[in-house]
PDB file of N, CA and C in Angstrom:
ATOM      1  N   MET A   1     -92.551  43.210 -13.955  1.00  0.00           N
ATOM      2  CA  MET A   1     -92.290  44.102 -15.666  1.00  0.00           C
ATOM      3  C   MET A   1     -93.017  44.249 -16.612  1.00  0.00           C
ATOM      4  N   THR A   2     -93.296  45.207 -17.432  1.00  0.00           N
ATOM      5  CA  THR A   2     -94.352  45.297 -18.124  1.00  0.00           C
ATOM      6  C   THR A   2     -93.320  45.608 -18.918  1.00  0.00           C
ATOM      7  N   ILE A   3     -93.839  44.963 -20.222  1.00  0.00           N
ATOM      8  CA  ILE A   3     -93.790  45.405 -21.665  1.00  0.00           C
ATOM      9  C   ILE A   3     -93.347  46.975 -21.978  1.00  0.00           C
ATOM     10  N   GLU A   4     -94.109  47.571 -21.491  1.00  0.00           N
ATOM     11  CA  GLU A   4     -93.895  49.170 -21.565  1.00  0.00           C
ATOM     12  C   GLU A   4     -92.620  49.282 -20.834  1.00  0.00           C
ATOM     13  N   GLU A   5     -92.165  49.195 -19.875  1.00  0.00           N
ATOM     14  CA  GLU A   5     -91.309  49.268 -18.853  1.00  0.00           C
ATOM     15  C   GLU A   5     -89.976  48.912 -19.194  1.00  0.00           C
ATOM     16  N   PHE A   6     -90.150  47.960 -19.956  1.00  0.00           N
ATOM     17  CA  PHE A   6     -89.068  47.400 -21.015  1.00  0.00           C
ATOM     18  C   PHE A   6     -88.217  47.789 -22.184  1.00  0.00           C
ATOM     19  N   GLU A   7     -89.567  48.042 -22.618  1.00  0.00           N
ATOM     20  CA  GLU A   7     -89.015  49.245 -23.443  1.00  0.00           C
ATOM     21  C   GLU A   7     -88.785  50.432 -23.309  1.00  0.00           C
ATOM     22  N   ASP A   8     -89.433  50.926 -22.635  1.00  0.00           N
ATOM     23  CA  ASP A   8     -88.880  52.331 -21.829  1.00  0.00           C
ATOM     24  C   ASP A   8     -87.208  52.413 -20.992  1.00  0.00           C
ATOM     25  N   SER A   9     -86.816  51.373 -21.007  1.00  0.00           N
ATOM     26  CA  SER A   9     -85.282  50.692 -20.458  1.00  0.00           C
ATOM     27  C   SER A   9     -84.234  50.974 -20.997  1.00  0.00           C
ATOM     28  N   LEU A  10     -84.724  50.576 -22.886  1.00  0.00           N
ATOM     29  CA  LEU A  10     -84.041  51.267 -23.800  1.00  0.00           C
ATOM     30  C   LEU A  10     -83.484  52.562 -24.117  1.00  0.00           C
ATOM     31  N   LYS A  11     -83.692  53.018 -23.286  1.00  0.00           N
ATOM     32  CA  LYS A  11     -83.706  54.707 -23.110  1.00  0.00           C
ATOM     33  C   LYS A  11     -82.632  54.837 -22.156  1.00  0.00           C
ATOM     34  N   GLU A  12     -82.076  54.126 -21.379  1.00  0.00           N
ATOM     35  CA  GLU A  12     -80.934  54.033 -20.150  1.00  0.00           C
ATOM     36  C   GLU A  12     -79.549  53.142 -21.383  1.00  0.00           C
ATOM     37  N   ASN A  13     -78.794  53.834 -20.558  1.00  0.00           N
ATOM     38  CA  ASN A  13     -77.239  53.639 -21.011  1.00  0.00           C
ATOM     39  C   ASN A  13     -77.149  52.011 -20.492  1.00  0.00           C
ATOM     40  N   GLN A  14     -77.624  51.156 -19.311  1.00  0.00           N
ATOM     41  CA  GLN A  14     -77.577  50.355 -18.682  1.00  0.00           C
ATOM     42  C   GLN A  14     -78.664  49.372 -18.616  1.00  0.00           C
ATOM     43  N   PRO A  15     -78.823  48.215 -18.850  1.00  0.00           N
ATOM     44  CA  PRO A  15     -80.059  47.303 -18.736  1.00  0.00           C
ATOM     45  C   PRO A  15     -80.604  47.283 -17.009  1.00  0.00           C
ATOM     46  N   PRO A  16     -81.840  46.952 -17.086  1.00  0.00           N
ATOM     47  CA  PRO A  16     -82.083  46.913 -15.611  1.00  0.00           C
ATOM     48  C   PRO A  16     -81.340  45.764 -15.032  1.00  0.00           C
ATOM     49  N   PRO A  17     -81.717  46.077 -13.451  1.00  0.00           N
ATOM     50  CA  PRO A  17     -80.876  44.742 -12.990  1.00  0.00           C
ATOM     51  C   PRO A  17     -81.958  43.553 -12.572  1.00  0.00           C
ATOM     52  N   ASP A  18     -81.167  42.534 -12.664  1.00  0.00           N
ATOM     53  CA  ASP A  18     -81.846  41.377 -12.338  1.00  0.00           C
ATOM     54  C   ASP A  18     -82.612  40.643 -13.723  1.00  0.00           C
ATOM     55  N   LEU A  19     -82.165  40.946 -14.934  1.00  0.00           N
ATOM     56  CA  LEU A  19     -82.662  40.487 -15.934  1.00  0.00           C
ATOM     57  C   LEU A  19     -82.145  39.167 -16.358  1.00  0.00           C
ATOM     58  N   SER A  20     -82.853  38.144 -16.600  1.00  0.00           N
ATOM     59  CA  SER A  20     -82.565  37.273 -17.465  1.00  0.00           C
ATOM     60  C   SER A  20     -81.611  37.235 -18.488  1.00  0.00           C
ATOM     61  N   ILE A  21     -80.968  36.206 -18.633  1.00  0.00           N
ATOM     62  CA  ILE A  21     -79.886  36.134 -19.792  1.00  0.00           C
ATOM     63  C   ILE A  21     -80.840  36.340 -21.553  1.00  0.00           C
ATOM     64  N   TYR A  22     -82.045  35.971 -21.221  1.00  0.00           N
ATOM     65  CA  TYR A  22     -82.979  36.152 -22.470  1.00  0.00           C
ATOM     66  C   TYR A  22     -83.215  37.210 -22.573  1.00  0.00           C
ATOM     67  N   LEU A  23     -83.517  37.651 -21.081  1.00  0.00           N
ATOM     68  CA  LEU A  23     -84.291  39.035 -21.617  1.00  0.00           C
ATOM     69  C   LEU A  23     -83.089  40.402 -21.591  1.00  0.00           C
ATOM     70  N   LEU A  24     -81.707  40.029 -21.063  1.00  0.00           N
ATOM     71  CA  LEU A  24     -81.167  40.711 -21.456  1.00  0.00           C
ATOM     72  C   LEU A  24     -80.096  40.882 -22.925  1.00  0.00           C
ATOM     73  N   SER A  25     -80.215  39.385 -23.731  1.00  0.00           N
ATOM     74  CA  SER A  25     -79.796  39.578 -24.948  1.00  0.00           C
ATOM     75  C   SER A  25     -81.045  40.090 -25.702  1.00  0.00           C
ATOM     76  N   LEU A  26     -81.994  40.081 -25.446  1.00  0.00           N
ATOM     77  CA  LEU A  26     -83.299  40.984 -25.936  1.00  0.00           C
ATOM     78  C   LEU A  26     -83.469  42.543 -26.465  1.00  0.00           C
ATOM     79  N   TRP A  27     -82.838  42.626 -24.165  1.00  0.00           N
ATOM     80  CA  TRP A  27     -82.473  44.459 -24.273  1.00  0.00           C
ATOM     81  C   TRP A  27     -81.267  44.932 -25.056  1.00  0.00           C
ATOM     82  N   TYR A  28     -80.224  44.178 -25.435  1.00  0.00           N
ATOM     83  CA  TYR A  28     -79.137  44.673 -26.301  1.00  0.00           C
ATOM     84  C   TYR A  28     -79.298  44.457 -27.900  1.00  0.00           C
ATOM     85  N   ASP A  29     -80.441  43.753 -27.840  1.00  0.00           N
ATOM     86  CA  ASP A  29     -80.878  43.346 -29.465  1.00  0.00           C
ATOM     87  C   ASP A  29     -81.622  45.285 -29.706  1.00  0.00           C
ATOM     88  N   GLY A  30     -82.702  45.380 -28.898  1.00  0.00           N
ATOM     89  CA  GLY A  30     -83.286  46.475 -28.680  1.00  0.00           C
ATOM     90  C   GLY A  30     -82.427  47.596 -28.847  1.00  0.00           C
ATOM     91  N   LYS A  31     -81.212  47.863 -28.615  1.00  0.00           N
ATOM     92  CA  LYS A  31     -80.516  48.570 -27.895  1.00  0.00           C
ATOM     93  C   LYS A  31     -79.722  49.298 -29.360  1.00  0.00           C
ATOM     94  N   GLY A  32     -79.850  48.129 -30.526  1.00  0.00           N
ATOM     95  CA  GLY A  32     -79.251  48.049 -31.567  1.00  0.00           C
ATOM     96  C   GLY A  32     -77.608  47.332 -31.559  1.00  0.00           C
ATOM     97  N   ASP A  33     -77.689  46.475 -30.494  1.00  0.00           N
ATOM     98  CA  ASP A  33     -76.517  46.095 -30.364  1.00  0.00           C
ATOM     99  C   ASP A  33     -76.507  44.555 -30.568  1.00  0.00           C
ATOM    100  N   TRP A  34     -76.911  44.166 -31.772  1.00  0.00           N
ATOM    101  CA  TRP A  34     -76.489  42.697 -32.233  1.00  0.00           C
ATOM    102  C   TRP A  34     -75.580  41.648 -32.269  1.00  0.00           C
ATOM    103  N   ASN A  35     -74.525  42.076 -31.969  1.00  0.00           N
ATOM    104  CA  ASN A  35     -73.051  41.397 -31.314  1.00  0.00           C
ATOM    105  C   ASN A  35     -73.354  40.978 -29.947  1.00  0.00           C
ATOM    106  N   LYS A  36     -73.461  42.367 -29.065  1.00  0.00           N
ATOM    107  CA  LYS A  36     -73.827  42.105 -27.891  1.00  0.00           C
ATOM    108  C   LYS A  36     -75.322  40.694 -27.565  1.00  0.00           C
ATOM    109  N   ALA A  37     -76.131  41.158 -27.873  1.00  0.00           N
ATOM    110  CA  ALA A  37     -77.491  40.594 -28.083  1.00  0.00           C
ATOM    111  C   ALA A  37     -77.227  38.933 -28.433  1.00  0.00           C
ATOM    112  N   HIS A  38     -76.194  38.444 -29.426  1.00  0.00           N
ATOM    113  CA  HIS A  38     -75.426  37.493 -30.007  1.00  0.00           C
ATOM    114  C   HIS A  38     -75.177  36.599 -29.029  1.00  0.00           C
ATOM    115  N   SER A  39     -73.795  37.107 -28.517  1.00  0.00           N
ATOM    116  CA  SER A  39     -72.701  36.356 -27.737  1.00  0.00           C
ATOM    117  C   SER A  39     -73.711  35.981 -26.267  1.00  0.00           C
ATOM    118  N   LEU A  40     -74.672  36.545 -25.700  1.00  0.00           N
ATOM    119  CA  LEU A  40     -75.034  36.196 -24.955  1.00  0.00           C
ATOM    120  C   LEU A  40     -76.040  34.973 -25.151  1.00  0.00           C
ATOM    121  N   VAL A  41     -76.307  35.111 -26.001  1.00  0.00           N
ATOM    122  CA  VAL A  41     -77.173  33.462 -26.128  1.00  0.00           C
ATOM    123  C   VAL A  41     -76.215  32.547 -27.287  1.00  0.00           C
ATOM    124  N   ASP A  42     -75.408  32.788 -27.729  1.00  0.00           N
ATOM    125  CA  ASP A  42     -74.209  31.887 -28.711  1.00  0.00           C
ATOM    126  C   ASP A  42     -74.101  30.636 -28.118  1.00  0.00           C
ATOM    127  N   SER A  43     -73.756  30.303 -26.631  1.00  0.00           N
ATOM    128  CA  SER A  43     -72.937  29.507 -26.163  1.00  0.00           C
ATOM    129  C   SER A  43     -74.456  28.445 -25.084  1.00  0.00           C
ATOM    130  N   LEU A  44     -75.595  28.993 -25.366  1.00  0.00           N
ATOM    131  CA  LEU A  44     -76.359  28.733 -24.375  1.00  0.00           C
ATOM    132  C   LEU A  44     -77.130  27.493 -24.857  1.00  0.00           C
ATOM    133  N   SER A  45     -77.515  26.634 -24.225  1.00  0.00           N
ATOM    134  CA  SER A  45     -78.395  25.335 -24.764  1.00  0.00           C
ATOM    135  C   SER A  45     -79.589  25.783 -24.312  1.00  0.00           C
ATOM    136  N   GLY A  46     -80.599  24.665 -24.840  1.00  0.00           N
ATOM    137  CA  GLY A  46     -81.667  24.554 -24.390  1.00  0.00           C
ATOM    138  C   GLY A  46     -82.854  25.659 -25.424  1.00  0.00           C
ATOM    139  N   GLN A  47     -84.380  25.345 -25.787  1.00  0.00           N
ATOM    140  CA  GLN A  47     -85.481  25.678 -26.489  1.00  0.00           C
ATOM    141  C   GLN A  47     -85.442  27.388 -26.295  1.00  0.00           C
ATOM    142  N   GLU A  48     -85.451  28.056 -25.031  1.00  0.00           N
ATOM    143  CA  GLU A  48     -85.223  29.439 -24.922  1.00  0.00           C
ATOM    144  C   GLU A  48     -84.371  30.080 -25.844  1.00  0.00           C
ATOM    145  N   ALA A  49     -83.000  29.614 -25.006  1.00  0.00           N
ATOM    146  CA  ALA A  49     -81.889  30.271 -26.465  1.00  0.00           C
ATOM    147  C   ALA A  49     -82.156  29.755 -27.941  1.00  0.00           C
ATOM    148  N   ALA A  50     -82.277  28.682 -28.088  1.00  0.00           N
ATOM    149  CA  ALA A  50     -82.670  28.542 -29.453  1.00  0.00           C
ATOM    150  C   ALA A  50     -83.687  29.529 -30.265  1.00  0.00           C
ATOM    151  N   ARG A  51     -84.701  29.895 -29.354  1.00  0.00           N
ATOM    152  CA  ARG A  51     -85.667  31.052 -29.924  1.00  0.00           C
ATOM    153  C   ARG A  51     -84.861  32.326 -30.308  1.00  0.00           C
ATOM    154  N   ILE A  52     -84.459  33.281 -28.816  1.00  0.00           N
ATOM    155  CA  ILE A  52     -83.631  34.287 -29.416  1.00  0.00           C
ATOM    156  C   ILE A  52     -82.628  34.002 -30.266  1.00  0.00           C
ATOM    157  N   HIS A  53     -81.684  32.850 -30.460  1.00  0.00           N
ATOM    158  CA  HIS A  53     -80.702  32.936 -31.588  1.00  0.00           C
ATOM    159  C   HIS A  53     -81.318  32.852 -33.071  1.00  0.00           C
ATOM    160  N   ALA A  54     -82.398  32.061 -33.099  1.00  0.00           N
ATOM    161  CA  ALA A  54     -83.052  32.081 -34.346  1.00  0.00           C
ATOM    162  C   ALA A  54     -83.543  33.123 -35.148  1.00  0.00           C
ATOM    163  N   TYR A  55     -84.316  34.550 -33.942  1.00  0.00           N
ATOM    164  CA  TYR A  55     -84.888  35.097 -34.186  1.00  0.00           C
ATOM    165  C   TYR A  55     -83.104  36.374 -34.403  1.00  0.00           C
ATOM    166  N   LEU A  56     -82.221  36.185 -33.726  1.00  0.00           N
ATOM    167  CA  LEU A  56     -81.234  37.171 -33.840  1.00  0.00           C
ATOM    168  C   LEU A  56     -80.517  37.058 -35.418  1.00  0.00           C
ATOM    169  N   HIS A  57     -80.438  35.746 -35.741  1.00  0.00           N
ATOM    170  CA  HIS A  57     -80.125  35.212 -36.825  1.00  0.00           C
ATOM    171  C   HIS A  57     -81.198  35.075 -38.348  1.00  0.00           C
ATOM    172  N   ARG A  58     -82.415  35.260 -37.767  1.00  0.00           N
ATOM    173  CA  ARG A  58     -83.267  35.791 -38.588  1.00  0.00           C
ATOM    174  C   ARG A  58     -83.376  37.604 -38.998  1.00  0.00           C
ATOM    175  N   LYS A  59     -83.097  38.271 -37.915  1.00  0.00           N
ATOM    176  CA  LYS A  59     -82.351  39.791 -37.550  1.00  0.00           C
ATOM    177  C   LYS A  59     -81.419  40.314 -38.777  1.00  0.00           C
ATOM    178  N   GLU A  60     -80.427  39.391 -38.498  1.00  0.00           N
ATOM    179  CA  GLU A  60     -79.159  39.593 -39.482  1.00  0.00           C
ATOM    180  C   GLU A  60     -79.083  39.368 -41.187  1.00  0.00           C
ATOM    181  N   GLY A  61     -80.448  38.693 -41.103  1.00  0.00           N
ATOM    182  CA  GLY A  61     -80.915  38.016 -42.806  1.00  0.00           C
ATOM    183  C   GLY A  61     -80.301  36.873 -43.205  1.00  0.00           C
ATOM    184  N   ASP A  62     -79.584  36.126 -42.271  1.00  0.00           N
ATOM    185  CA  ASP A  62     -79.139  34.627 -42.437  1.00  0.00           C
ATOM    186  C   ASP A  62     -79.927  33.816 -42.374  1.00  0.00           C
ATOM    187  N   LEU A  63     -81.001  33.982 -43.000  1.00  0.00           N
ATOM    188  CA  LEU A  63     -82.091  32.797 -43.207  1.00  0.00           C
ATOM    189  C   LEU A  63     -82.014  31.400 -42.882  1.00  0.00           C
ATOM    190  N   GLY A  64     -81.213  30.539 -43.297  1.00  0.00           N
ATOM    191  CA  GLY A  64     -80.538  29.394 -43.616  1.00  0.00           C
ATOM    192  C   GLY A  64     -80.325  29.069 -41.602  1.00  0.00           C
ATOM    193  N   ASN A  65     -79.172  29.839 -41.348  1.00  0.00           N
ATOM    194  CA  ASN A  65     -79.203  29.478 -39.858  1.00  0.00           C
ATOM    195  C   ASN A  65     -80.309  29.904 -38.776  1.00  0.00           C
ATOM    196  N   ALA A  66     -81.058  30.914 -39.494  1.00  0.00           N
ATOM    197  CA  ALA A  66     -82.013  31.105 -38.547  1.00  0.00           C
ATOM    198  C   ALA A  66     -82.824  30.204 -38.810  1.00  0.00           C
ATOM    199  N   ASN A  67     -83.086  29.362 -40.043  1.00  0.00           N
ATOM    200  CA  ASN A  67     -84.189  28.176 -39.596  1.00  0.00           C
ATOM    201  C   ASN A  67     -83.761  26.942 -39.017  1.00  0.00           C
ATOM    202  N   TYR A  68     -82.251  26.934 -38.460  1.00  0.00           N
ATOM    203  CA  TYR A  68     -81.742  26.205 -38.058  1.00  0.00           C
ATOM    204  C   TYR A  68     -81.958  25.871 -36.692  1.00  0.00           C
ATOM    205  N   TRP A  69     -81.986  27.186 -36.314  1.00  0.00           N
ATOM    206  CA  TRP A  69     -82.447  27.445 -34.612  1.00  0.00           C
ATOM    207  C   TRP A  69     -84.089  27.567 -34.798  1.00  0.00           C
ATOM    208  N   TYR A  70     -84.588  28.277 -35.505  1.00  0.00           N
ATOM    209  CA  TYR A  70     -86.297  27.949 -34.972  1.00  0.00           C
ATOM    210  C   TYR A  70     -86.026  26.053 -34.784  1.00  0.00           C
ATOM    211  N   ARG A  71     -85.669  25.535 -35.981  1.00  0.00           N
ATOM    212  CA  ARG A  71     -86.008  23.997 -35.532  1.00  0.00           C
ATOM    213  C   ARG A  71     -85.566  23.366 -34.167  1.00  0.00           C
ATOM    214  N   GLN A  72     -84.140  23.721 -33.761  1.00  0.00           N
ATOM    215  CA  GLN A  72     -83.968  23.639 -32.774  1.00  0.00           C
ATOM    216  C   GLN A  72     -84.722  24.356 -31.627  1.00  0.00           C
ATOM    217  N   ALA A  73     -85.494  25.361 -31.437  1.00  0.00           N
ATOM    218  CA  ALA A  73     -86.396  25.754 -30.601  1.00  0.00           C
ATOM    219  C   ALA A  73     -87.844  25.357 -30.640  1.00  0.00           C
ATOM    220  N   TYR A  74     -88.310  24.287 -31.632  1.00  0.00           N
ATOM    221  CA  TYR A  74     -88.987  23.434 -31.846  1.00  0.00           C
ATOM    222  C   TYR A  74     -90.275  24.684 -32.509  1.00  0.00           C
ATOM    223  N   SER A  75     -90.162  25.320 -33.447  1.00  0.00           N
ATOM    224  CA  SER A  75     -90.749  26.299 -33.815  1.00  0.00           C
ATOM    225  C   SER A  75     -90.730  26.604 -35.466  1.00  0.00           C
ATOM    226  N   GLN A  76     -90.796  27.411 -35.885  1.00  0.00           N
ATOM    227  CA  GLN A  76     -91.411  27.895 -37.179  1.00  0.00           C
ATOM    228  C   GLN A  76     -91.084  29.506 -37.180  1.00  0.00           C
ATOM    229  N   MET A  77     -90.226  30.115 -38.678  1.00  0.00           N
ATOM    230  CA  MET A  77     -89.562  31.062 -38.484  1.00  0.00           C
ATOM    231  C   MET A  77     -91.493  32.083 -38.618  1.00  0.00           C
ATOM    232  N   PRO A  78     -91.633  32.817 -37.466  1.00  0.00           N
ATOM    233  CA  PRO A  78     -93.424  33.683 -37.798  1.00  0.00           C
ATOM    234  C   PRO A  78     -93.116  34.517 -39.086  1.00  0.00           C
ATOM    235  N   ALA A  79     -94.227  34.567 -39.392  1.00  0.00           N
ATOM    236  CA  ALA A  79     -94.512  35.500 -40.847  1.00  0.00           C
ATOM    237  C   ALA A  79     -95.021  36.828 -40.666  1.00  0.00           C
ATOM    238  N   THR A  80     -94.517  37.819 -39.187  1.00  0.00           N
ATOM    239  CA  THR A  80     -94.984  38.423 -38.392  1.00  0.00           C
ATOM    240  C   THR A  80     -93.669  39.666 -38.719  1.00  0.00           C
ATOM    241  N   ASP A  81     -93.516  40.493 -38.944  1.00  0.00           N
ATOM    242  CA  ASP A  81     -92.105  41.348 -39.384  1.00  0.00           C
ATOM    243  C   ASP A  81     -91.235  41.494 -37.655  1.00  0.00           C
ATOM    244  N   LEU A  82     -90.100  41.567 -38.048  1.00  0.00           N
ATOM    245  CA  LEU A  82     -89.052  41.566 -36.554  1.00  0.00           C
ATOM    246  C   LEU A  82     -89.422  42.278 -35.441  1.00  0.00           C
ATOM    247  N   LYS A  83     -89.855  43.397 -35.798  1.00  0.00           N
ATOM    248  CA  LYS A  83     -90.366  44.334 -34.285  1.00  0.00           C
ATOM    249  C   LYS A  83     -91.302  43.784 -33.575  1.00  0.00           C
ATOM    250  N   ILE A  84     -92.405  42.628 -34.468  1.00  0.00           N
ATOM    251  CA  ILE A  84     -93.333  41.895 -33.175  1.00  0.00           C
ATOM    252  C   ILE A  84     -92.973  40.799 -33.106  1.00  0.00           C
ATOM    253  N   GLU A  85     -92.048  39.990 -33.698  1.00  0.00           N
ATOM    254  CA  GLU A  85     -91.243  38.931 -32.937  1.00  0.00           C
ATOM    255  C   GLU A  85     -90.476  39.314 -31.957  1.00  0.00           C
ATOM    256  N   TRP A  86     -89.838  40.816 -32.074  1.00  0.00           N
ATOM    257  CA  TRP A  86     -88.903  40.883 -30.708  1.00  0.00           C
ATOM    258  C   TRP A  86     -90.102  41.189 -29.482  1.00  0.00           C
ATOM    259  N   ARG A  87     -91.138  41.603 -30.091  1.00  0.00           N
ATOM    260  CA  ARG A  87     -92.048  42.253 -28.758  1.00  0.00           C
ATOM    261  C   ARG A  87     -92.648  41.053 -27.986  1.00  0.00           C
ATOM    262  N   ILE A  88     -92.851  39.568 -29.134  1.00  0.00           N
ATOM    263  CA  ILE A  88     -93.381  38.414 -28.856  1.00  0.00           C
ATOM    264  C   ILE A  88     -92.374  37.511 -27.792  1.00  0.00           C
ATOM    265  N   LEU A  89     -91.217  37.831 -28.418  1.00  0.00           N
ATOM    266  CA  LEU A  89     -90.229  37.156 -27.165  1.00  0.00           C
ATOM    267  C   LEU A  89     -89.744  37.884 -25.984  1.00  0.00           C
ATOM    268  N   VAL A  90     -89.766  39.117 -25.940  1.00  0.00           N
ATOM    269  CA  VAL A  90     -90.017  39.948 -24.622  1.00  0.00           C
ATOM    270  C   VAL A  90     -90.845  39.767 -23.520  1.00  0.00           C
ATOM    271  N   GLU A  91     -92.282  39.891 -24.242  1.00  0.00           N
ATOM    272  CA  GLU A  91     -93.188  39.138 -23.832  1.00  0.00           C
ATOM    273  C   GLU A  91     -93.169  37.666 -22.953  1.00  0.00           C
ATOM    274  N   SER A  92     -92.981  36.858 -23.749  1.00  0.00           N
ATOM    275  CA  SER A  92     -93.039  35.762 -23.212  1.00  0.00           C
ATOM    276  C   SER A  92     -91.879  35.640 -22.227  1.00  0.00           C
ATOM    277  N   PHE A  93     -90.606  36.210 -21.792  1.00  0.00           N
ATOM    278  CA  PHE A  93     -89.629  35.828 -20.866  1.00  0.00           C
ATOM    279  C   PHE A  93     -89.913  36.761 -19.778  1.00  0.00           C
ATOM    280  N   LEU A  94     -90.423  37.781 -20.112  1.00  0.00           N
ATOM    281  CA  LEU A  94     -90.998  39.117 -18.637  1.00  0.00           C
ATOM    282  C   LEU A  94     -92.111  38.302 -17.548  1.00  0.00           C
TER     283      LEU A  94
END
């Protein structure tokens, strides 16, 4: 799947089959369902989940919590806007 196909799938009511949990979280975020996106990664461990978790808290506006999760992901809060960060994350998990 390409990034364009992933973005096009946001027009649908259901996510594409066989998405990883990380892409599924980003898909729901792309649909505007922050709570569903967060619930999918909230209890996961690992650097990948922490990276999405960080992005979601940044989007929420909770920068302190976001910074905690960026550190857990061995990353820093990017200087890009949220749309670019979302796209970079999607591309990294495709």
